[in-house]
Amino acid sequence: MIEIRWHGRGGQGAKTVALLLADAALAVGKHMQAFPEYGPERMGAPVQSFNRISDRPITLHCSVKEPSVVAVLDPTLMATVNVTGGLKPDGILLVNTALSPAEIKQQTGFAGTVYTIDASKISRETIGRDIPNTPMLGALVKVTGVLDFDAMVEDTEKKLAKKFSHRPEVIEGNIKSIKRAALEVRAA
């Protein structure tokens, strides 16, 4: 079982990306969980979302304390939130930033594997807004291999088509952002 913790701010899509990942896992026959944890619901407030993905039934029904992967949608959170708290020493830290993985490794002191991706830039250029969740999804699936990348893209496109059938440019932009992030993600 892989456990993932997403850090973001209200409005950046941390809850949505956890749900999209869970839906893609379910579509390929995996067992999954996706759930958010947040205080007052307001734009810009720190939020966390979680995923569990497994080939076997998941019997845990508690928060994720020691994730294998942490994805940070908003790098400014790292100044006030211990994003690496509980992250397994051999885990993966994925950060939305223009900084290099080495710079994030030095900044956080995390000894595991660090990846960076400028998901905000990608989302602005492909979607037209700074909503980094779908590029982060592409980068996360690419670096973890938790799901088949093409199957995830296909399932995500179907989910977006249901929600945005009247706005094909939103669907196309999000799919472009996912694919582009998989190509641009950098490792330390």
N, C-alpha and C. Protein backbone atom coordinates (compact mmCIF):
# COMPACT_ATOMS: atom_id res chain seq x y z
N MET A 1 0.84 -1.18 0.00
CA MET A 1 0.00 0.00 0.00
C MET A 1 0.89 1.24 0.00
N ILE A 2 0.51 2.21 -0.80
CA ILE A 2 1.21 3.49 -0.81
C ILE A 2 0.28 4.54 -0.21
N GLU A 3 0.84 5.37 0.67
CA GLU A 3 0.07 6.45 1.29
C GLU A 3 0.67 7.78 0.83
N ILE A 4 -0.21 8.69 0.45
CA ILE A 4 0.20 9.98 -0.12
C ILE A 4 -0.48 11.10 0.66
N ARG A 5 0.30 12.15 0.95
CA ARG A 5 -0.27 13.34 1.58
C ARG A 5 -0.05 14.52 0.64
N TRP A 6 -1.12 15.24 0.35
CA TRP A 6 -1.09 16.43 -0.49
C TRP A 6 -1.20 17.66 0.41
N HIS A 7 -0.32 18.64 0.23
CA HIS A 7 -0.40 19.91 0.94
C HIS A 7 -0.74 21.00 -0.07
N GLY A 8 -1.72 21.82 0.25
CA GLY A 8 -2.05 22.93 -0.63
C GLY A 8 -2.79 24.00 0.15
N ARG A 9 -3.33 24.92 -0.59
CA ARG A 9 -4.18 25.97 -0.02
C ARG A 9 -5.55 25.86 -0.67
N GLY A 10 -6.56 26.28 0.09
CA GLY A 10 -7.93 26.24 -0.45
C GLY A 10 -7.99 26.91 -1.81
N GLY A 11 -8.54 26.21 -2.79
CA GLY A 11 -8.67 26.74 -4.14
C GLY A 11 -7.62 26.24 -5.10
N GLN A 12 -6.60 25.53 -4.62
CA GLN A 12 -5.56 25.01 -5.50
C GLN A 12 -5.85 23.60 -6.00
N GLY A 13 -6.87 22.97 -5.46
CA GLY A 13 -7.26 21.66 -5.95
C GLY A 13 -6.65 20.47 -5.24
N ALA A 14 -6.22 20.63 -4.00
CA ALA A 14 -5.64 19.49 -3.26
C ALA A 14 -6.67 18.38 -3.06
N LYS A 15 -7.88 18.75 -2.74
CA LYS A 15 -8.93 17.75 -2.56
C LYS A 15 -9.27 17.10 -3.91
N THR A 16 -9.40 17.91 -4.93
CA THR A 16 -9.75 17.40 -6.26
C THR A 16 -8.70 16.45 -6.80
N VAL A 17 -7.41 16.78 -6.63
CA VAL A 17 -6.37 15.92 -7.17
C VAL A 17 -6.35 14.57 -6.45
N ALA A 18 -6.62 14.55 -5.15
CA ALA A 18 -6.69 13.28 -4.43
C ALA A 18 -7.84 12.43 -4.96
N LEU A 19 -8.95 13.08 -5.27
CA LEU A 19 -10.11 12.35 -5.82
C LEU A 19 -9.82 11.85 -7.23
N LEU A 20 -9.16 12.66 -8.06
CA LEU A 20 -8.81 12.22 -9.42
C LEU A 20 -7.87 11.03 -9.38
N LEU A 21 -6.88 11.07 -8.50
CA LEU A 21 -5.95 9.95 -8.37
C LEU A 21 -6.68 8.70 -7.91
N ALA A 22 -7.57 8.85 -6.94
CA ALA A 22 -8.34 7.70 -6.44
C ALA A 22 -9.23 7.12 -7.53
N ASP A 23 -9.89 7.97 -8.29
CA ASP A 23 -10.74 7.50 -9.39
C ASP A 23 -9.93 6.73 -10.42
N ALA A 24 -8.75 7.24 -10.75
CA ALA A 24 -7.89 6.55 -11.72
C ALA A 24 -7.43 5.20 -11.19
N ALA A 25 -7.14 5.13 -9.88
CA ALA A 25 -6.75 3.86 -9.27
C ALA A 25 -7.89 2.86 -9.31
N LEU A 26 -9.07 3.33 -9.00
CA LEU A 26 -10.26 2.47 -9.02
C LEU A 26 -10.53 1.95 -10.44
N ALA A 27 -10.33 2.80 -11.42
CA ALA A 27 -10.58 2.42 -12.81
C ALA A 27 -9.69 1.28 -13.30
N VAL A 28 -8.52 1.13 -12.68
CA VAL A 28 -7.62 0.04 -13.09
C VAL A 28 -7.65 -1.12 -12.10
N GLY A 29 -8.67 -1.14 -11.22
CA GLY A 29 -8.88 -2.28 -10.34
C GLY A 29 -8.15 -2.24 -9.01
N LYS A 30 -7.59 -1.10 -8.66
CA LYS A 30 -6.91 -0.99 -7.37
C LYS A 30 -7.91 -0.59 -6.29
N HIS A 31 -7.53 -0.84 -5.06
CA HIS A 31 -8.30 -0.39 -3.91
C HIS A 31 -7.76 0.99 -3.55
N MET A 32 -8.63 1.87 -3.11
CA MET A 32 -8.18 3.23 -2.86
C MET A 32 -8.99 3.92 -1.80
N GLN A 33 -8.41 4.98 -1.27
CA GLN A 33 -9.09 5.92 -0.38
C GLN A 33 -8.62 7.31 -0.76
N ALA A 34 -9.50 8.28 -0.63
CA ALA A 34 -9.16 9.69 -0.82
C ALA A 34 -9.99 10.49 0.15
N PHE A 35 -9.33 11.35 0.92
CA PHE A 35 -10.08 12.16 1.88
C PHE A 35 -9.30 13.42 2.22
N PRO A 36 -10.03 14.51 2.47
CA PRO A 36 -9.38 15.77 2.84
C PRO A 36 -9.34 15.96 4.35
N GLU A 37 -8.53 16.91 4.78
CA GLU A 37 -8.50 17.34 6.17
C GLU A 37 -8.22 18.83 6.15
N TYR A 38 -9.16 19.60 6.63
CA TYR A 38 -8.95 21.04 6.65
C TYR A 38 -9.78 21.69 7.74
N GLY A 39 -9.36 22.88 8.09
CA GLY A 39 -10.08 23.67 9.09
C GLY A 39 -11.15 24.49 8.41
N PRO A 40 -11.23 25.77 8.72
CA PRO A 40 -12.24 26.62 8.08
C PRO A 40 -12.06 26.61 6.57
N GLU A 41 -13.14 26.39 5.88
CA GLU A 41 -13.07 26.34 4.43
C GLU A 41 -13.03 27.76 3.87
N ARG A 42 -11.84 28.18 3.45
CA ARG A 42 -11.73 29.48 2.81
C ARG A 42 -10.57 29.45 1.83
N MET A 43 -10.67 30.26 0.83
CA MET A 43 -9.62 30.35 -0.17
C MET A 43 -8.30 30.73 0.51
N GLY A 44 -7.25 30.02 0.17
CA GLY A 44 -5.94 30.34 0.69
C GLY A 44 -5.56 29.68 2.00
N ALA A 45 -6.52 29.08 2.69
CA ALA A 45 -6.21 28.41 3.96
C ALA A 45 -5.47 27.10 3.69
N PRO A 46 -4.53 26.73 4.53
CA PRO A 46 -3.82 25.46 4.35
C PRO A 46 -4.79 24.27 4.42
N VAL A 47 -4.63 23.35 3.50
CA VAL A 47 -5.43 22.13 3.48
C VAL A 47 -4.51 20.94 3.22
N GLN A 48 -4.98 19.78 3.63
CA GLN A 48 -4.29 18.53 3.31
C GLN A 48 -5.31 17.56 2.77
N SER A 49 -4.89 16.76 1.82
CA SER A 49 -5.70 15.65 1.32
C SER A 49 -4.81 14.42 1.31
N PHE A 50 -5.45 13.26 1.32
CA PHE A 50 -4.71 12.02 1.45
C PHE A 50 -5.22 10.97 0.46
N ASN A 51 -4.32 10.08 0.09
CA ASN A 51 -4.67 8.91 -0.71
C ASN A 51 -4.02 7.69 -0.10
N ARG A 52 -4.72 6.59 -0.21
CA ARG A 52 -4.15 5.27 -0.01
C ARG A 52 -4.50 4.48 -1.26
N ILE A 53 -3.51 3.77 -1.80
CA ILE A 53 -3.73 2.96 -3.00
C ILE A 53 -3.06 1.62 -2.76
N SER A 54 -3.80 0.55 -3.05
CA SER A 54 -3.28 -0.79 -2.79
C SER A 54 -3.88 -1.79 -3.78
N ASP A 55 -3.18 -2.90 -3.93
CA ASP A 55 -3.71 -4.01 -4.72
C ASP A 55 -4.67 -4.87 -3.89
N ARG A 56 -4.68 -4.65 -2.59
CA ARG A 56 -5.52 -5.42 -1.66
C ARG A 56 -6.51 -4.48 -0.97
N PRO A 57 -7.56 -5.03 -0.41
CA PRO A 57 -8.50 -4.18 0.34
C PRO A 57 -7.78 -3.40 1.44
N ILE A 58 -8.22 -2.17 1.64
CA ILE A 58 -7.64 -1.29 2.65
C ILE A 58 -8.57 -1.29 3.86
N THR A 59 -8.03 -1.71 4.99
CA THR A 59 -8.87 -1.79 6.19
C THR A 59 -8.61 -0.63 7.16
N LEU A 60 -7.64 0.20 6.88
CA LEU A 60 -7.36 1.37 7.72
C LEU A 60 -8.41 2.45 7.46
N HIS A 61 -8.85 3.08 8.52
CA HIS A 61 -9.79 4.19 8.39
C HIS A 61 -9.37 5.29 9.35
N CYS A 62 -8.16 5.78 9.15
CA CYS A 62 -7.61 6.83 10.00
C CYS A 62 -6.78 7.75 9.11
N SER A 63 -6.29 8.83 9.68
CA SER A 63 -5.47 9.74 8.90
C SER A 63 -4.14 9.09 8.56
N VAL A 64 -3.48 9.63 7.57
CA VAL A 64 -2.18 9.13 7.14
C VAL A 64 -1.11 9.80 7.99
N LYS A 65 -0.41 9.01 8.79
CA LYS A 65 0.61 9.53 9.69
C LYS A 65 2.02 9.47 9.11
N GLU A 66 2.32 8.41 8.35
CA GLU A 66 3.65 8.21 7.78
C GLU A 66 3.55 7.93 6.28
N PRO A 67 3.33 8.99 5.50
CA PRO A 67 3.17 8.78 4.06
C PRO A 67 4.48 8.36 3.39
N SER A 68 4.32 7.68 2.27
CA SER A 68 5.47 7.33 1.43
C SER A 68 5.80 8.48 0.49
N VAL A 69 4.77 9.28 0.19
CA VAL A 69 4.90 10.39 -0.75
C VAL A 69 4.21 11.62 -0.17
N VAL A 70 4.87 12.77 -0.30
CA VAL A 70 4.25 14.05 0.04
C VAL A 70 4.36 14.94 -1.19
N ALA A 71 3.23 15.51 -1.59
CA ALA A 71 3.18 16.44 -2.72
C ALA A 71 2.76 17.81 -2.20
N VAL A 72 3.55 18.83 -2.51
CA VAL A 72 3.30 20.18 -2.02
C VAL A 72 2.88 21.06 -3.20
N LEU A 73 1.61 21.46 -3.21
CA LEU A 73 1.09 22.28 -4.29
C LEU A 73 1.49 23.74 -4.15
N ASP A 74 1.72 24.21 -2.93
CA ASP A 74 2.10 25.60 -2.69
C ASP A 74 3.37 25.64 -1.87
N PRO A 75 4.49 26.01 -2.48
CA PRO A 75 5.77 25.98 -1.76
C PRO A 75 5.85 26.97 -0.61
N THR A 76 4.98 27.99 -0.57
CA THR A 76 5.02 28.93 0.56
C THR A 76 4.59 28.26 1.85
N LEU A 77 3.89 27.14 1.76
CA LEU A 77 3.50 26.40 2.95
C LEU A 77 4.71 25.86 3.71
N MET A 78 5.81 25.64 3.02
CA MET A 78 6.98 25.05 3.65
C MET A 78 7.59 25.97 4.71
N ALA A 79 7.23 27.26 4.70
CA ALA A 79 7.72 28.19 5.71
C ALA A 79 6.94 28.07 7.02
N THR A 80 5.71 27.52 6.96
CA THR A 80 4.87 27.45 8.16
C THR A 80 4.38 26.06 8.51
N VAL A 81 4.45 25.14 7.57
CA VAL A 81 3.96 23.78 7.78
C VAL A 81 5.14 22.80 7.61
N ASN A 82 5.26 21.86 8.52
CA ASN A 82 6.30 20.84 8.41
C ASN A 82 5.83 19.79 7.40
N VAL A 83 6.05 20.08 6.13
CA VAL A 83 5.54 19.20 5.07
C VAL A 83 6.21 17.84 5.06
N THR A 84 7.40 17.73 5.62
CA THR A 84 8.09 16.43 5.66
C THR A 84 7.81 15.66 6.94
N GLY A 85 7.00 16.22 7.84
CA GLY A 85 6.66 15.55 9.09
C GLY A 85 6.06 14.17 8.83
N GLY A 86 6.65 13.14 9.39
CA GLY A 86 6.14 11.78 9.23
C GLY A 86 6.51 11.12 7.93
N LEU A 87 7.05 11.88 6.98
CA LEU A 87 7.43 11.30 5.68
C LEU A 87 8.52 10.27 5.90
N LYS A 88 8.30 9.08 5.36
CA LYS A 88 9.27 8.00 5.53
C LYS A 88 10.64 8.44 5.01
N PRO A 89 11.72 8.06 5.71
CA PRO A 89 13.07 8.49 5.32
C PRO A 89 13.43 8.15 3.88
N ASP A 90 12.88 7.06 3.36
CA ASP A 90 13.14 6.68 1.97
C ASP A 90 12.00 7.10 1.06
N GLY A 91 11.19 8.04 1.53
CA GLY A 91 10.03 8.49 0.78
C GLY A 91 10.37 9.47 -0.32
N ILE A 92 9.30 10.01 -0.90
CA ILE A 92 9.41 10.94 -2.02
C ILE A 92 8.75 12.26 -1.61
N LEU A 93 9.45 13.36 -1.85
CA LEU A 93 8.92 14.70 -1.67
C LEU A 93 8.85 15.34 -3.04
N LEU A 94 7.65 15.74 -3.45
CA LEU A 94 7.40 16.37 -4.75
C LEU A 94 6.88 17.78 -4.48
N VAL A 95 7.59 18.80 -4.98
CA VAL A 95 7.24 20.18 -4.68
C VAL A 95 7.01 20.97 -5.96
N ASN A 96 5.92 21.74 -5.96
CA ASN A 96 5.62 22.68 -7.03
C ASN A 96 6.48 23.92 -6.82
N THR A 97 7.56 24.03 -7.58
CA THR A 97 8.47 25.16 -7.44
C THR A 97 9.37 25.27 -8.66
N ALA A 98 9.90 26.47 -8.88
CA ALA A 98 10.90 26.65 -9.92
C ALA A 98 12.29 26.31 -9.39
N LEU A 99 12.42 26.11 -8.08
CA LEU A 99 13.71 25.75 -7.49
C LEU A 99 14.11 24.34 -7.90
N SER A 100 15.39 24.07 -7.81
CA SER A 100 15.89 22.73 -8.15
C SER A 100 15.62 21.77 -7.00
N PRO A 101 15.61 20.49 -7.28
CA PRO A 101 15.47 19.50 -6.20
C PRO A 101 16.57 19.65 -5.14
N ALA A 102 17.79 19.97 -5.56
CA ALA A 102 18.88 20.14 -4.59
C ALA A 102 18.60 21.30 -3.65
N GLU A 103 18.02 22.38 -4.17
CA GLU A 103 17.69 23.53 -3.32
C GLU A 103 16.60 23.16 -2.31
N ILE A 104 15.60 22.40 -2.74
CA ILE A 104 14.53 21.98 -1.82
C ILE A 104 15.08 21.00 -0.79
N LYS A 105 15.95 20.12 -1.22
CA LYS A 105 16.58 19.16 -0.30
C LYS A 105 17.34 19.91 0.79
N GLN A 106 18.08 20.94 0.40
CA GLN A 106 18.83 21.74 1.36
C GLN A 106 17.87 22.53 2.27
N GLN A 107 16.84 23.09 1.70
CA GLN A 107 15.88 23.90 2.45
C GLN A 107 15.13 23.07 3.49
N THR A 108 14.74 21.84 3.12
CA THR A 108 13.93 21.01 4.02
C THR A 108 14.77 20.08 4.89
N GLY A 109 15.97 19.75 4.45
CA GLY A 109 16.78 18.78 5.18
C GLY A 109 16.30 17.35 4.99
N PHE A 110 15.39 17.14 4.05
CA PHE A 110 14.86 15.80 3.81
C PHE A 110 15.90 14.97 3.07
N ALA A 111 16.20 13.80 3.59
CA ALA A 111 17.25 12.94 3.04
C ALA A 111 16.76 12.01 1.94
N GLY A 112 15.46 11.86 1.80
CA GLY A 112 14.92 10.96 0.77
C GLY A 112 15.01 11.57 -0.62
N THR A 113 14.20 11.09 -1.52
CA THR A 113 14.20 11.56 -2.89
C THR A 113 13.33 12.80 -3.03
N VAL A 114 13.87 13.82 -3.67
CA VAL A 114 13.15 15.07 -3.88
C VAL A 114 12.98 15.31 -5.38
N TYR A 115 11.77 15.65 -5.76
CA TYR A 115 11.46 16.04 -7.14
C TYR A 115 10.84 17.42 -7.11
N THR A 116 11.10 18.20 -8.16
CA THR A 116 10.44 19.49 -8.30
C THR A 116 9.83 19.60 -9.69
N ILE A 117 8.79 20.39 -9.76
CA ILE A 117 8.11 20.67 -11.02
C ILE A 117 7.47 22.04 -10.88
N ASP A 118 7.61 22.87 -11.89
CA ASP A 118 6.97 24.19 -11.84
C ASP A 118 5.54 24.04 -12.35
N ALA A 119 4.72 23.42 -11.50
CA ALA A 119 3.33 23.13 -11.86
C ALA A 119 2.51 24.40 -12.02
N SER A 120 2.83 25.44 -11.28
CA SER A 120 2.11 26.71 -11.41
C SER A 120 2.32 27.30 -12.79
N LYS A 121 3.56 27.31 -13.24
CA LYS A 121 3.87 27.82 -14.59
C LYS A 121 3.16 26.99 -15.65
N ILE A 122 3.24 25.68 -15.50
CA ILE A 122 2.60 24.79 -16.47
C ILE A 122 1.10 25.05 -16.51
N SER A 123 0.46 25.17 -15.35
CA SER A 123 -1.00 25.38 -15.33
C SER A 123 -1.37 26.73 -15.93
N ARG A 124 -0.57 27.75 -15.66
CA ARG A 124 -0.86 29.07 -16.25
C ARG A 124 -0.76 29.00 -17.78
N GLU A 125 0.23 28.27 -18.27
CA GLU A 125 0.46 28.20 -19.72
C GLU A 125 -0.50 27.25 -20.44
N THR A 126 -1.02 26.24 -19.76
CA THR A 126 -1.89 25.27 -20.44
C THR A 126 -3.37 25.44 -20.10
N ILE A 127 -3.65 25.89 -18.88
CA ILE A 127 -5.04 26.03 -18.43
C ILE A 127 -5.46 27.50 -18.39
N GLY A 128 -4.48 28.38 -18.22
CA GLY A 128 -4.78 29.80 -18.16
C GLY A 128 -4.98 30.32 -16.75
N ARG A 129 -4.78 29.46 -15.75
CA ARG A 129 -4.94 29.84 -14.34
C ARG A 129 -3.91 29.08 -13.51
N ASP A 130 -3.57 29.65 -12.36
CA ASP A 130 -2.61 29.01 -11.47
C ASP A 130 -3.33 28.02 -10.55
N ILE A 131 -3.66 26.88 -11.13
CA ILE A 131 -4.26 25.77 -10.37
C ILE A 131 -3.37 24.56 -10.65
N PRO A 132 -2.40 24.32 -9.75
CA PRO A 132 -1.35 23.34 -10.05
C PRO A 132 -1.70 21.88 -9.83
N ASN A 133 -2.95 21.57 -9.52
CA ASN A 133 -3.26 20.19 -9.14
C ASN A 133 -3.07 19.17 -10.25
N THR A 134 -3.53 19.44 -11.46
CA THR A 134 -3.39 18.42 -12.51
C THR A 134 -1.94 18.24 -12.96
N PRO A 135 -1.12 19.31 -13.07
CA PRO A 135 0.28 19.03 -13.37
C PRO A 135 0.96 18.23 -12.25
N MET A 136 0.59 18.50 -11.01
CA MET A 136 1.16 17.73 -9.89
C MET A 136 0.73 16.27 -9.97
N LEU A 137 -0.48 16.01 -10.42
CA LEU A 137 -0.95 14.64 -10.61
C LEU A 137 -0.07 13.93 -11.64
N GLY A 138 0.18 14.58 -12.76
CA GLY A 138 1.03 13.99 -13.79
C GLY A 138 2.43 13.69 -13.28
N ALA A 139 3.00 14.65 -12.55
CA ALA A 139 4.35 14.46 -12.01
C ALA A 139 4.37 13.34 -10.99
N LEU A 140 3.37 13.29 -10.11
CA LEU A 140 3.34 12.27 -9.06
C LEU A 140 3.23 10.86 -9.65
N VAL A 141 2.34 10.69 -10.61
CA VAL A 141 2.19 9.35 -11.21
C VAL A 141 3.46 8.98 -11.96
N LYS A 142 4.09 9.92 -12.60
CA LYS A 142 5.34 9.65 -13.32
C LYS A 142 6.45 9.20 -12.37
N VAL A 143 6.65 9.93 -11.27
CA VAL A 143 7.79 9.62 -10.40
C VAL A 143 7.56 8.43 -9.48
N THR A 144 6.30 8.14 -9.16
CA THR A 144 6.03 7.01 -8.26
C THR A 144 5.74 5.72 -9.00
N GLY A 145 5.17 5.81 -10.19
CA GLY A 145 4.76 4.61 -10.91
C GLY A 145 3.60 3.90 -10.24
N VAL A 146 2.89 4.61 -9.35
CA VAL A 146 1.78 4.01 -8.60
C VAL A 146 0.66 3.54 -9.53
N LEU A 147 0.52 4.19 -10.68
CA LEU A 147 -0.46 3.80 -11.69
C LEU A 147 0.19 3.86 -13.06
N ASP A 148 -0.39 3.16 -14.01
CA ASP A 148 0.03 3.30 -15.39
C ASP A 148 -0.31 4.72 -15.84
N PHE A 149 0.68 5.44 -16.34
CA PHE A 149 0.49 6.85 -16.68
C PHE A 149 -0.61 7.04 -17.71
N ASP A 150 -0.58 6.28 -18.80
CA ASP A 150 -1.56 6.45 -19.86
C ASP A 150 -2.98 6.13 -19.38
N ALA A 151 -3.12 5.13 -18.54
CA ALA A 151 -4.44 4.78 -18.00
C ALA A 151 -4.95 5.90 -17.11
N MET A 152 -4.06 6.52 -16.33
CA MET A 152 -4.46 7.65 -15.47
C MET A 152 -4.91 8.82 -16.33
N VAL A 153 -4.17 9.12 -17.38
CA VAL A 153 -4.54 10.23 -18.26
C VAL A 153 -5.91 9.98 -18.88
N GLU A 154 -6.12 8.77 -19.35
CA GLU A 154 -7.40 8.41 -19.98
C GLU A 154 -8.56 8.56 -19.00
N ASP A 155 -8.38 8.05 -17.78
CA ASP A 155 -9.45 8.14 -16.79
C ASP A 155 -9.69 9.59 -16.38
N THR A 156 -8.64 10.35 -16.21
CA THR A 156 -8.78 11.75 -15.82
C THR A 156 -9.51 12.54 -16.91
N GLU A 157 -9.19 12.26 -18.15
CA GLU A 157 -9.86 12.94 -19.26
C GLU A 157 -11.37 12.64 -19.24
N LYS A 158 -11.73 11.40 -18.96
CA LYS A 158 -13.15 11.03 -18.87
C LYS A 158 -13.84 11.79 -17.73
N LYS A 159 -13.17 11.87 -16.57
CA LYS A 159 -13.76 12.57 -15.42
C LYS A 159 -13.93 14.06 -15.72
N LEU A 160 -12.92 14.66 -16.33
CA LEU A 160 -13.01 16.08 -16.67
C LEU A 160 -14.07 16.33 -17.74
N ALA A 161 -14.23 15.39 -18.66
CA ALA A 161 -15.23 15.54 -19.72
C ALA A 161 -16.64 15.58 -19.14
N LYS A 162 -16.88 14.83 -18.07
CA LYS A 162 -18.20 14.85 -17.44
C LYS A 162 -18.46 16.21 -16.78
N LYS A 163 -17.44 16.74 -16.13
CA LYS A 163 -17.60 17.99 -15.39
C LYS A 163 -17.57 19.22 -16.30
N PHE A 164 -16.74 19.16 -17.34
CA PHE A 164 -16.53 20.33 -18.20
C PHE A 164 -16.93 20.07 -19.66
N SER A 165 -18.00 19.33 -19.86
CA SER A 165 -18.42 19.00 -21.23
C SER A 165 -18.69 20.25 -22.06
N HIS A 166 -19.09 21.31 -21.41
CA HIS A 166 -19.40 22.57 -22.09
C HIS A 166 -18.15 23.45 -22.27
N ARG A 167 -17.00 22.99 -21.75
CA ARG A 167 -15.75 23.76 -21.85
C ARG A 167 -14.60 22.85 -22.27
N PRO A 168 -14.56 22.44 -23.53
CA PRO A 168 -13.52 21.51 -23.99
C PRO A 168 -12.10 22.06 -23.82
N GLU A 169 -11.95 23.38 -23.81
CA GLU A 169 -10.61 23.96 -23.62
C GLU A 169 -10.06 23.67 -22.22
N VAL A 170 -10.95 23.53 -21.23
CA VAL A 170 -10.52 23.19 -19.87
C VAL A 170 -10.01 21.75 -19.84
N ILE A 171 -10.73 20.87 -20.49
CA ILE A 171 -10.31 19.46 -20.55
C ILE A 171 -8.96 19.36 -21.25
N GLU A 172 -8.86 19.97 -22.42
CA GLU A 172 -7.62 19.91 -23.21
C GLU A 172 -6.45 20.52 -22.44
N GLY A 173 -6.65 21.65 -21.79
CA GLY A 173 -5.59 22.31 -21.03
C GLY A 173 -5.09 21.45 -19.88
N ASN A 174 -6.02 20.83 -19.16
CA ASN A 174 -5.64 19.97 -18.04
C ASN A 174 -4.87 18.75 -18.50
N ILE A 175 -5.29 18.14 -19.58
CA ILE A 175 -4.59 16.95 -20.09
C ILE A 175 -3.19 17.34 -20.58
N LYS A 176 -3.09 18.49 -21.25
CA LYS A 176 -1.77 18.97 -21.67
C LYS A 176 -0.88 19.20 -20.45
N SER A 177 -1.45 19.76 -19.39
CA SER A 177 -0.65 20.06 -18.19
C SER A 177 -0.14 18.77 -17.54
N ILE A 178 -0.95 17.74 -17.51
CA ILE A 178 -0.56 16.46 -16.93
C ILE A 178 0.61 15.86 -17.72
N LYS A 179 0.46 15.84 -19.03
CA LYS A 179 1.50 15.25 -19.88
C LYS A 179 2.80 16.06 -19.84
N ARG A 180 2.67 17.36 -19.84
CA ARG A 180 3.85 18.22 -19.81
C ARG A 180 4.61 18.06 -18.49
N ALA A 181 3.87 17.99 -17.38
CA ALA A 181 4.51 17.83 -16.07
C ALA A 181 5.31 16.53 -16.00
N ALA A 182 4.79 15.47 -16.60
CA ALA A 182 5.51 14.20 -16.59
C ALA A 182 6.85 14.32 -17.33
N LEU A 183 6.91 15.19 -18.31
CA LEU A 183 8.15 15.39 -19.06
C LEU A 183 9.12 16.33 -18.35
N GLU A 184 8.58 17.27 -17.55
CA GLU A 184 9.42 18.32 -16.98
C GLU A 184 9.81 18.10 -15.52
N VAL A 185 9.27 17.10 -14.85
CA VAL A 185 9.60 16.87 -13.44
C VAL A 185 11.08 16.54 -13.31
N ARG A 186 11.71 17.12 -12.27
CA ARG A 186 13.16 16.98 -12.07
C ARG A 186 13.46 16.27 -10.76
N ALA A 187 14.50 15.44 -10.79
CA ALA A 187 14.91 14.69 -9.58
C ALA A 187 16.23 15.23 -9.05
N ALA A 188 16.41 15.06 -7.72
CA ALA A 188 17.68 15.47 -7.09
C ALA A 188 18.74 14.43 -7.38
